[in-house]
PDB file of N, CA and C in Angstrom:
ATOM      1  N   MET A   1     -47.150 -32.759-227.843  1.00  0.00           N
ATOM      2  CA  MET A   1     -45.926 -32.253-227.276  1.00  0.00           C
ATOM      3  C   MET A   1     -45.331 -33.235-226.313  1.00  0.00           C
ATOM      4  N   ILE A   2     -44.073 -33.542-226.509  1.00  0.00           N
ATOM      5  CA  ILE A   2     -43.350 -34.537-225.711  1.00  0.00           C
ATOM      6  C   ILE A   2     -42.897 -33.910-224.404  1.00  0.00           C
ATOM      7  N   PHE A   3     -43.037 -34.641-223.327  1.00  0.00           N
ATOM      8  CA  PHE A   3     -42.643 -34.209-221.989  1.00  0.00           C
ATOM      9  C   PHE A   3     -41.813 -35.283-221.335  1.00  0.00           C
ATOM     10  N   LYS A   4     -40.965 -34.892-220.402  1.00  0.00           N
ATOM     11  CA  LYS A   4     -40.249 -35.823-219.518  1.00  0.00           C
ATOM     12  C   LYS A   4     -41.078 -35.966-218.281  1.00  0.00           C
ATOM     13  N   ILE A   5     -41.241 -37.193-217.778  1.00  0.00           N
ATOM     14  CA  ILE A   5     -42.017 -37.469-216.608  1.00  0.00           C
ATOM     15  C   ILE A   5     -41.118 -37.538-215.409  1.00  0.00           C
ATOM     16  N   GLU A   6     -41.450 -36.804-214.343  1.00  0.00           N
ATOM     17  CA  GLU A   6     -40.783 -36.926-213.080  1.00  0.00           C
ATOM     18  C   GLU A   6     -41.776 -37.302-211.997  1.00  0.00           C
ATOM     19  N   LYS A   7     -41.378 -38.140-211.068  1.00  0.00           N
ATOM     20  CA  LYS A   7     -42.334 -38.546-209.998  1.00  0.00           C
ATOM     21  C   LYS A   7     -41.753 -38.180-208.636  1.00  0.00           C
ATOM     22  N   LEU A   8     -42.586 -37.667-207.767  1.00  0.00           N
ATOM     23  CA  LEU A   8     -42.187 -37.443-206.380  1.00  0.00           C
ATOM     24  C   LEU A   8     -41.924 -38.757-205.729  1.00  0.00           C
ATOM     25  N   ASN A   9     -41.086 -38.831-204.658  1.00  0.00           N
ATOM     26  CA  ASN A   9     -40.803 -40.074-203.921  1.00  0.00           C
ATOM     27  C   ASN A   9     -42.058 -40.707-203.460  1.00  0.00           C
ATOM     28  N   ALA A  10     -43.023 -39.922-202.956  1.00  0.00           N
ATOM     29  CA  ALA A  10     -44.308 -40.408-202.422  1.00  0.00           C
ATOM     30  C   ALA A  10     -45.055 -41.133-203.573  1.00  0.00           C
ATOM     31  N   VAL A  11     -44.957 -40.673-204.768  1.00  0.00           N
ATOM     32  CA  VAL A  11     -45.619 -41.209-205.902  1.00  0.00           C
ATOM     33  C   VAL A  11     -44.969 -42.592-206.266  1.00  0.00           C
ATOM     34  N   ILE A  12     -43.665 -42.653-206.206  1.00  0.00           N
ATOM     35  CA  ILE A  12     -42.987 -43.914-206.517  1.00  0.00           C
ATOM     36  C   ILE A  12     -43.446 -44.969-205.513  1.00  0.00           C
ATOM     37  N   GLU A  13     -43.677 -44.592-204.258  1.00  0.00           N
ATOM     38  CA  GLU A  13     -44.180 -45.502-203.261  1.00  0.00           C
ATOM     39  C   GLU A  13     -45.595 -45.893-203.548  1.00  0.00           C
ATOM     40  N   GLU A  14     -46.461 -44.935-203.937  1.00  0.00           N
ATOM     41  CA  GLU A  14     -47.858 -45.225-204.237  1.00  0.00           C
ATOM     42  C   GLU A  14     -47.916 -46.229-205.426  1.00  0.00           C
ATOM     43  N   ILE A  15     -47.118 -45.977-206.442  1.00  0.00           N
ATOM     44  CA  ILE A  15     -47.120 -46.939-207.591  1.00  0.00           C
ATOM     45  C   ILE A  15     -46.663 -48.328-207.169  1.00  0.00           C
ATOM     46  N   SER A  16     -45.696 -48.417-206.332  1.00  0.00           N
ATOM     47  CA  SER A  16     -45.239 -49.690-205.924  1.00  0.00           C
ATOM     48  C   SER A  16     -46.244 -50.554-205.163  1.00  0.00           C
ATOM     49  N   LYS A  17     -47.276 -49.843-204.608  1.00  0.00           N
ATOM     50  CA  LYS A  17     -48.331 -50.556-203.903  1.00  0.00           C
ATOM     51  C   LYS A  17     -49.525 -51.033-204.811  1.00  0.00           C
ATOM     52  N   LEU A  18     -49.431 -50.554-206.050  1.00  0.00           N
ATOM     53  CA  LEU A  18     -50.482 -50.961-207.058  1.00  0.00           C
ATOM     54  C   LEU A  18     -50.271 -52.325-207.499  1.00  0.00           C
ATOM     55  N   GLU A  19     -51.233 -52.992-208.029  1.00  0.00           N
ATOM     56  CA  GLU A  19     -51.124 -54.307-208.671  1.00  0.00           C
ATOM     57  C   GLU A  19     -50.158 -54.201-209.845  1.00  0.00           C
ATOM     58  N   GLN A  20     -49.511 -55.300-210.244  1.00  0.00           N
ATOM     59  CA  GLN A  20     -48.541 -55.256-211.335  1.00  0.00           C
ATOM     60  C   GLN A  20     -49.206 -54.795-212.621  1.00  0.00           C
ATOM     61  N   ASN A  21     -50.417 -55.237-212.936  1.00  0.00           N
ATOM     62  CA  ASN A  21     -51.032 -54.860-214.215  1.00  0.00           C
ATOM     63  C   ASN A  21     -51.325 -53.325-214.210  1.00  0.00           C
ATOM     64  N   GLN A  22     -51.647 -52.749-212.998  1.00  0.00           N
ATOM     65  CA  GLN A  22     -51.850 -51.305-212.909  1.00  0.00           C
ATOM     66  C   GLN A  22     -50.543 -50.575-213.081  1.00  0.00           C
ATOM     67  N   GLN A  23     -49.472 -51.086-212.541  1.00  0.00           N
ATOM     68  CA  GLN A  23     -48.160 -50.445-212.672  1.00  0.00           C
ATOM     69  C   GLN A  23     -47.751 -50.470-214.166  1.00  0.00           C
ATOM     70  N   ASP A  24     -48.059 -51.587-214.834  1.00  0.00           N
ATOM     71  CA  ASP A  24     -47.694 -51.731-216.283  1.00  0.00           C
ATOM     72  C   ASP A  24     -48.509 -50.666-217.093  1.00  0.00           C
ATOM     73  N   LEU A  25     -49.762 -50.472-216.742  1.00  0.00           N
ATOM     74  CA  LEU A  25     -50.580 -49.485-217.493  1.00  0.00           C
ATOM     75  C   LEU A  25     -50.034 -48.060-217.305  1.00  0.00           C
ATOM     76  N   LEU A  26     -49.634 -47.761-216.126  1.00  0.00           N
ATOM     77  CA  LEU A  26     -49.026 -46.427-215.870  1.00  0.00           C
ATOM     78  C   LEU A  26     -47.715 -46.244-216.666  1.00  0.00           C
ATOM     79  N   LYS A  27     -46.914 -47.316-216.612  1.00  0.00           N
ATOM     80  CA  LYS A  27     -45.633 -47.285-217.328  1.00  0.00           C
ATOM     81  C   LYS A  27     -45.869 -46.998-218.826  1.00  0.00           C
ATOM     82  N   ILE A  28     -46.885 -47.651-219.401  1.00  0.00           N
ATOM     83  CA  ILE A  28     -47.176 -47.476-220.813  1.00  0.00           C
ATOM     84  C   ILE A  28     -47.620 -46.049-221.051  1.00  0.00           C
ATOM     85  N   GLU A  29     -48.485 -45.463-220.178  1.00  0.00           N
ATOM     86  CA  GLU A  29     -48.935 -44.109-220.337  1.00  0.00           C
ATOM     87  C   GLU A  29     -47.810 -43.128-220.247  1.00  0.00           C
ATOM     88  N   TYR A  30     -46.994 -43.235-219.262  1.00  0.00           N
ATOM     89  CA  TYR A  30     -45.849 -42.393-219.059  1.00  0.00           C
ATOM     90  C   TYR A  30     -44.847 -42.433-220.244  1.00  0.00           C
ATOM     91  N   GLU A  31     -44.584 -43.693-220.782  1.00  0.00           N
ATOM     92  CA  GLU A  31     -43.708 -43.808-221.942  1.00  0.00           C
ATOM     93  C   GLU A  31     -44.376 -43.198-223.200  1.00  0.00           C
ATOM     94  N   THR A  32     -45.692 -43.290-223.299  1.00  0.00           N
ATOM     95  CA  THR A  32     -46.347 -42.677-224.419  1.00  0.00           C
ATOM     96  C   THR A  32     -46.115 -41.170-224.440  1.00  0.00           C
ATOM     97  N   ILE A  33     -46.279 -40.547-223.255  1.00  0.00           N
ATOM     98  CA  ILE A  33     -46.037 -39.069-223.097  1.00  0.00           C
ATOM     99  C   ILE A  33     -44.606 -38.717-223.460  1.00  0.00           C
ATOM    100  N   GLU A  34     -43.680 -39.549-222.994  1.00  0.00           N
ATOM    101  CA  GLU A  34     -42.283 -39.244-223.212  1.00  0.00           C
ATOM    102  C   GLU A  34     -41.796 -39.516-224.693  1.00  0.00           C
ATOM    103  N   ASN A  35     -42.452 -40.438-225.392  1.00  0.00           N
ATOM    104  CA  ASN A  35     -42.043 -40.876-226.710  1.00  0.00           C
ATOM    105  C   ASN A  35     -42.899 -40.286-227.793  1.00  0.00           C
ATOM    106  N   LYS A  36     -44.162 -40.160-227.582  1.00  0.00           N
ATOM    107  CA  LYS A  36     -45.073 -39.654-228.661  1.00  0.00           C
ATOM    108  C   LYS A  36     -45.636 -38.300-228.362  1.00  0.00           C
ATOM    109  N   GLY A  37     -46.002 -38.036-227.131  1.00  0.00           N
ATOM    110  CA  GLY A  37     -46.581 -36.781-226.730  1.00  0.00           C
ATOM    111  C   GLY A  37     -47.817 -36.870-225.838  1.00  0.00           C
ATOM    112  N   ILE A  38     -48.132 -35.833-225.113  1.00  0.00           N
ATOM    113  CA  ILE A  38     -49.200 -35.838-224.194  1.00  0.00           C
ATOM    114  C   ILE A  38     -50.521 -35.929-224.819  1.00  0.00           C
ATOM    115  N   GLU A  39     -50.634 -35.546-226.113  1.00  0.00           N
ATOM    116  CA  GLU A  39     -51.891 -35.603-226.838  1.00  0.00           C
ATOM    117  C   GLU A  39     -52.328 -37.061-227.091  1.00  0.00           C
ATOM    118  N   PHE A  40     -51.473 -37.988-226.847  1.00  0.00           N
ATOM    119  CA  PHE A  40     -51.801 -39.422-227.094  1.00  0.00           C
ATOM    120  C   PHE A  40     -52.390 -40.111-225.803  1.00  0.00           C
ATOM    121  N   VAL A  41     -52.534 -39.402-224.706  1.00  0.00           N
ATOM    122  CA  VAL A  41     -53.153 -39.949-223.519  1.00  0.00           C
ATOM    123  C   VAL A  41     -54.344 -39.043-223.160  1.00  0.00           C
ATOM    124  N   LYS A  42     -55.206 -39.551-222.221  1.00  0.00           N
ATOM    125  CA  LYS A  42     -56.339 -38.771-221.758  1.00  0.00           C
ATOM    126  C   LYS A  42     -55.907 -37.884-220.604  1.00  0.00           C
ATOM    127  N   VAL A  43     -56.055 -36.629-220.770  1.00  0.00           N
ATOM    128  CA  VAL A  43     -55.696 -35.573-219.745  1.00  0.00           C
ATOM    129  C   VAL A  43     -56.929 -34.765-219.496  1.00  0.00           C
ATOM    130  N   LYS A  44     -57.128 -34.441-218.184  1.00  0.00           N
ATOM    131  CA  LYS A  44     -58.224 -33.593-217.840  1.00  0.00           C
ATOM    132  C   LYS A  44     -57.706 -32.506-216.850  1.00  0.00           C
ATOM    133  N   HIS A  45     -58.129 -31.263-217.101  1.00  0.00           N
ATOM    134  CA  HIS A  45     -57.758 -30.221-216.136  1.00  0.00           C
ATOM    135  C   HIS A  45     -58.699 -30.275-214.954  1.00  0.00           C
ATOM    136  N   LEU A  46     -58.176 -30.323-213.762  1.00  0.00           N
ATOM    137  CA  LEU A  46     -58.984 -30.409-212.556  1.00  0.00           C
ATOM    138  C   LEU A  46     -59.293 -28.983-211.936  1.00  0.00           C
ATOM    139  N   GLN A  47     -58.163 -28.332-211.613  1.00  0.00           N
ATOM    140  CA  GLN A  47     -58.289 -26.992-211.053  1.00  0.00           C
ATOM    141  C   GLN A  47     -56.859 -26.343-210.975  1.00  0.00           C
ATOM    142  N   ASN A  48     -56.891 -25.046-211.090  1.00  0.00           N
ATOM    143  CA  ASN A  48     -55.651 -24.242-211.085  1.00  0.00           C
ATOM    144  C   ASN A  48     -54.612 -24.951-211.974  1.00  0.00           C
ATOM    145  N   LYS A  49     -53.522 -25.335-211.387  1.00  0.00           N
ATOM    146  CA  LYS A  49     -52.410 -25.938-212.228  1.00  0.00           C
ATOM    147  C   LYS A  49     -52.369 -27.424-212.104  1.00  0.00           C
ATOM    148  N   ILE A  50     -53.447 -28.068-211.608  1.00  0.00           N
ATOM    149  CA  ILE A  50     -53.469 -29.515-211.358  1.00  0.00           C
ATOM    150  C   ILE A  50     -54.269 -30.144-212.519  1.00  0.00           C
ATOM    151  N   PHE A  51     -53.607 -31.209-213.064  1.00  0.00           N
ATOM    152  CA  PHE A  51     -54.222 -31.977-214.183  1.00  0.00           C
ATOM    153  C   PHE A  51     -54.238 -33.438-213.794  1.00  0.00           C
ATOM    154  N   GLU A  52     -54.991 -34.216-214.602  1.00  0.00           N
ATOM    155  CA  GLU A  52     -55.134 -35.617-214.266  1.00  0.00           C
ATOM    156  C   GLU A  52     -54.907 -36.426-215.607  1.00  0.00           C
ATOM    157  N   ILE A  53     -54.013 -37.425-215.476  1.00  0.00           N
ATOM    158  CA  ILE A  53     -53.848 -38.403-216.551  1.00  0.00           C
ATOM    159  C   ILE A  53     -54.828 -39.552-216.193  1.00  0.00           C
ATOM    160  N   LYS A  54     -55.692 -39.875-217.159  1.00  0.00           N
ATOM    161  CA  LYS A  54     -56.710 -40.934-216.902  1.00  0.00           C
ATOM    162  C   LYS A  54     -56.280 -42.228-217.580  1.00  0.00           C
ATOM    163  N   THR A  55     -55.972 -43.257-216.795  1.00  0.00           N
ATOM    164  CA  THR A  55     -55.602 -44.595-217.301  1.00  0.00           C
ATOM    165  C   THR A  55     -56.549 -45.615-216.715  1.00  0.00           C
ATOM    166  N   LYS A  56     -57.541 -45.994-217.415  1.00  0.00           N
ATOM    167  CA  LYS A  56     -58.583 -46.891-216.906  1.00  0.00           C
ATOM    168  C   LYS A  56     -58.988 -46.449-215.547  1.00  0.00           C
ATOM    169  N   GLU A  57     -58.845 -47.220-214.471  1.00  0.00           N
ATOM    170  CA  GLU A  57     -59.224 -46.875-213.168  1.00  0.00           C
ATOM    171  C   GLU A  57     -58.169 -46.107-212.391  1.00  0.00           C
ATOM    172  N   ILE A  58     -56.996 -45.909-212.947  1.00  0.00           N
ATOM    173  CA  ILE A  58     -55.880 -45.215-212.270  1.00  0.00           C
ATOM    174  C   ILE A  58     -55.764 -43.822-212.679  1.00  0.00           C
ATOM    175  N   ARG A  59     -55.450 -42.938-211.741  1.00  0.00           N
ATOM    176  CA  ARG A  59     -55.299 -41.501-212.024  1.00  0.00           C
ATOM    177  C   ARG A  59     -53.931 -41.041-211.529  1.00  0.00           C
ATOM    178  N   SER A  60     -53.308 -40.190-212.307  1.00  0.00           N
ATOM    179  CA  SER A  60     -52.092 -39.546-211.912  1.00  0.00           C
ATOM    180  C   SER A  60     -52.334 -38.050-211.920  1.00  0.00           C
ATOM    181  N   LEU A  61     -52.201 -37.402-210.823  1.00  0.00           N
ATOM    182  CA  LEU A  61     -52.376 -35.940-210.723  1.00  0.00           C
ATOM    183  C   LEU A  61     -51.049 -35.336-210.886  1.00  0.00           C
ATOM    184  N   PHE A  62     -50.933 -34.303-211.729  1.00  0.00           N
ATOM    185  CA  PHE A  62     -49.641 -33.646-211.997  1.00  0.00           C
ATOM    186  C   PHE A  62     -49.823 -32.190-212.247  1.00  0.00           C
ATOM    187  N   LYS A  63     -48.657 -31.567-212.381  1.00  0.00           N
ATOM    188  CA  LYS A  63     -48.586 -30.167-212.882  1.00  0.00           C
ATOM    189  C   LYS A  63     -47.445 -30.145-213.833  1.00  0.00           C
ATOM    190  N   TYR A  64     -47.549 -29.128-214.747  1.00  0.00           N
ATOM    191  CA  TYR A  64     -46.493 -28.873-215.699  1.00  0.00           C
ATOM    192  C   TYR A  64     -45.384 -28.108-215.060  1.00  0.00           C
ATOM    193  N   LYS A  65     -44.172 -28.352-215.470  1.00  0.00           N
ATOM    194  CA  LYS A  65     -42.991 -27.729-214.907  1.00  0.00           C
ATOM    195  C   LYS A  65     -42.158 -27.159-216.053  1.00  0.00           C
ATOM    196  N   SER A  66     -41.447 -26.159-215.799  1.00  0.00           N
ATOM    197  CA  SER A  66     -40.650 -25.576-216.924  1.00  0.00           C
ATOM    198  C   SER A  66     -39.739 -26.590-217.525  1.00  0.00           C
ATOM    199  N   GLY A  67     -39.411 -26.415-218.752  1.00  0.00           N
ATOM    200  CA  GLY A  67     -38.498 -27.345-219.463  1.00  0.00           C
ATOM    201  C   GLY A  67     -39.155 -28.594-219.999  1.00  0.00           C
ATOM    202  N   LYS A  68     -40.496 -28.522-220.205  1.00  0.00           N
ATOM    203  CA  LYS A  68     -41.248 -29.608-220.820  1.00  0.00           C
ATOM    204  C   LYS A  68     -41.202 -30.885-219.867  1.00  0.00           C
ATOM    205  N   ILE A  69     -41.454 -30.647-218.577  1.00  0.00           N
ATOM    206  CA  ILE A  69     -41.430 -31.742-217.612  1.00  0.00           C
ATOM    207  C   ILE A  69     -42.877 -31.780-217.024  1.00  0.00           C
ATOM    208  N   ILE A  70     -43.327 -32.983-216.799  1.00  0.00           N
ATOM    209  CA  ILE A  70     -44.554 -33.223-216.082  1.00  0.00           C
ATOM    210  C   ILE A  70     -44.141 -33.847-214.739  1.00  0.00           C
ATOM    211  N   LEU A  71     -44.546 -33.220-213.647  1.00  0.00           N
ATOM    212  CA  LEU A  71     -44.209 -33.649-212.304  1.00  0.00           C
ATOM    213  C   LEU A  71     -45.458 -34.342-211.739  1.00  0.00           C
ATOM    214  N   ILE A  72     -45.364 -35.648-211.505  1.00  0.00           N
ATOM    215  CA  ILE A  72     -46.508 -36.431-210.971  1.00  0.00           C
ATOM    216  C   ILE A  72     -46.463 -36.260-209.478  1.00  0.00           C
ATOM    217  N   GLY A  73     -47.633 -35.870-208.893  1.00  0.00           N
ATOM    218  CA  GLY A  73     -47.708 -35.622-207.508  1.00  0.00           C
ATOM    219  C   GLY A  73     -48.521 -36.643-206.698  1.00  0.00           C
ATOM    220  N   VAL A  74     -49.475 -37.295-207.331  1.00  0.00           N
ATOM    221  CA  VAL A  74     -50.304 -38.308-206.668  1.00  0.00           C
ATOM    222  C   VAL A  74     -50.739 -39.295-207.693  1.00  0.00           C
ATOM    223  N   VAL A  75     -50.746 -40.576-207.307  1.00  0.00           N
ATOM    224  CA  VAL A  75     -51.313 -41.682-208.109  1.00  0.00           C
ATOM    225  C   VAL A  75     -52.219 -42.445-207.244  1.00  0.00           C
ATOM    226  N   PHE A  76     -53.475 -42.729-207.782  1.00  0.00           N
ATOM    227  CA  PHE A  76     -54.435 -43.442-206.956  1.00  0.00           C
ATOM    228  C   PHE A  76     -55.359 -44.177-207.888  1.00  0.00           C
ATOM    229  N   VAL A  77     -56.079 -45.160-207.284  1.00  0.00           N
ATOM    230  CA  VAL A  77     -57.138 -45.917-207.984  1.00  0.00           C
ATOM    231  C   VAL A  77     -58.422 -45.187-207.727  1.00  0.00           C
ATOM    232  N   LYS A  78     -59.047 -44.799-208.851  1.00  0.00           N
ATOM    233  CA  LYS A  78     -60.313 -44.012-208.758  1.00  0.00           C
ATOM    234  C   LYS A  78     -61.490 -44.938-208.578  1.00  0.00           C
ATOM    235  N   LYS A  79     -62.282 -44.673-207.544  1.00  0.00           N
ATOM    236  CA  LYS A  79     -63.440 -45.531-207.261  1.00  0.00           C
ATOM    237  C   LYS A  79     -64.778 -44.788-207.380  1.00  0.00           C
ATOM    238  N   THR A  80     -64.699 -43.463-207.579  1.00  0.00           N
ATOM    239  CA  THR A  80     -65.945 -42.692-207.633  1.00  0.00           C
ATOM    240  C   THR A  80     -65.933 -41.882-208.923  1.00  0.00           C
ATOM    241  N   GLN A  81     -67.082 -41.287-209.216  1.00  0.00           N
ATOM    242  CA  GLN A  81     -67.197 -40.508-210.501  1.00  0.00           C
ATOM    243  C   GLN A  81     -66.267 -39.318-210.502  1.00  0.00           C
ATOM    244  N   LYS A  82     -66.256 -38.548-209.413  1.00  0.00           N
ATOM    245  CA  LYS A  82     -65.427 -37.336-209.336  1.00  0.00           C
ATOM    246  C   LYS A  82     -64.186 -37.624-208.544  1.00  0.00           C
ATOM    247  N   THR A  83     -63.065 -36.898-208.876  1.00  0.00           N
ATOM    248  CA  THR A  83     -61.833 -37.052-208.104  1.00  0.00           C
ATOM    249  C   THR A  83     -62.114 -36.431-206.754  1.00  0.00           C
ATOM    250  N   PRO A  84     -61.808 -37.199-205.704  1.00  0.00           N
ATOM    251  CA  PRO A  84     -62.030 -36.711-204.333  1.00  0.00           C
ATOM    252  C   PRO A  84     -61.245 -35.449-204.035  1.00  0.00           C
ATOM    253  N   LYS A  85     -61.889 -34.467-203.364  1.00  0.00           N
ATOM    254  CA  LYS A  85     -61.249 -33.209-203.073  1.00  0.00           C
ATOM    255  C   LYS A  85     -60.019 -33.340-202.220  1.00  0.00           C
ATOM    256  N   GLU A  86     -59.989 -34.305-201.291  1.00  0.00           N
ATOM    257  CA  GLU A  86     -58.820 -34.546-200.456  1.00  0.00           C
ATOM    258  C   GLU A  86     -57.601 -34.993-201.333  1.00  0.00           C
ATOM    259  N   ILE A  87     -57.884 -35.712-202.408  1.00  0.00           N
ATOM    260  CA  ILE A  87     -56.723 -36.178-203.297  1.00  0.00           C
ATOM    261  C   ILE A  87     -56.125 -34.931-204.074  1.00  0.00           C
ATOM    262  N   ILE A  88     -57.049 -34.115-204.482  1.00  0.00           N
ATOM    263  CA  ILE A  88     -56.570 -32.910-205.193  1.00  0.00           C
ATOM    264  C   ILE A  88     -55.851 -31.989-204.220  1.00  0.00           C
ATOM    265  N   LYS A  89     -56.279 -31.868-203.015  1.00  0.00           N
ATOM    266  CA  LYS A  89     -55.619 -31.090-201.979  1.00  0.00           C
ATOM    267  C   LYS A  89     -54.220 -31.670-201.676  1.00  0.00           C
ATOM    268  N   LEU A  90     -54.160 -33.018-201.581  1.00  0.00           N
ATOM    269  CA  LEU A  90     -52.814 -33.657-201.384  1.00  0.00           C
ATOM    270  C   LEU A  90     -51.929 -33.351-202.476  1.00  0.00           C
ATOM    271  N   ALA A  91     -52.379 -33.410-203.781  1.00  0.00           N
ATOM    272  CA  ALA A  91     -51.541 -33.172-204.905  1.00  0.00           C
ATOM    273  C   ALA A  91     -51.044 -31.696-204.876  1.00  0.00           C
ATOM    274  N   LYS A  92     -51.928 -30.774-204.575  1.00  0.00           N
ATOM    275  CA  LYS A  92     -51.531 -29.343-204.477  1.00  0.00           C
ATOM    276  C   LYS A  92     -50.443 -29.181-203.371  1.00  0.00           C
ATOM    277  N   GLN A  93     -50.698 -29.837-202.291  1.00  0.00           N
ATOM    278  CA  GLN A  93     -49.691 -29.737-201.145  1.00  0.00           C
ATOM    279  C   GLN A  93     -48.340 -30.244-201.558  1.00  0.00           C
ATOM    280  N   ARG A  94     -48.331 -31.444-202.142  1.00  0.00           N
ATOM    281  CA  ARG A  94     -47.062 -32.036-202.582  1.00  0.00           C
ATOM    282  C   ARG A  94     -46.365 -31.219-203.608  1.00  0.00           C
ATOM    283  N   LEU A  95     -47.084 -30.827-204.615  1.00  0.00           N
ATOM    284  CA  LEU A  95     -46.529 -30.118-205.796  1.00  0.00           C
ATOM    285  C   LEU A  95     -46.102 -28.700-205.438  1.00  0.00           C
ATOM    286  N   LYS A  96     -46.703 -28.174-204.406  1.00  0.00           N
ATOM    287  CA  LYS A  96     -46.373 -26.794-203.995  1.00  0.00           C
ATOM    288  C   LYS A  96     -44.972 -26.774-203.492  1.00  0.00           C
ATOM    289  N   GLU A  97     -44.509 -27.829-202.870  1.00  0.00           N
ATOM    290  CA  GLU A  97     -43.186 -27.930-202.288  1.00  0.00           C
ATOM    291  C   GLU A  97     -42.055 -28.044-203.284  1.00  0.00           C
ATOM    292  N   VAL A  98     -42.454 -28.301-204.578  1.00  0.00           N
ATOM    293  CA  VAL A  98     -41.457 -28.484-205.642  1.00  0.00           C
ATOM    294  C   VAL A  98     -41.393 -27.302-206.538  1.00  0.00           C
TER     295      VAL A  98
END
């Protein structure tokens, strides 16, 4: 299923702080979702309405929004096995406002 990707302003800032090759990987993943469909990327359900796009060491936490839109709430470099609870909490907080 094809979705449009929207990013919160905080996410745009988080992406700009990543290394260029990491930014390029995210761009490819987001374009894949918009052009081919979400089934062509690795997605994991974390909790409630929060999901994770897995791109090598980079994670994008998001929620689905009406009208086939994915709203990205947090982007971070994953350094541990499990997604840190504080990151999930931040995503919930940011996405709740939208």
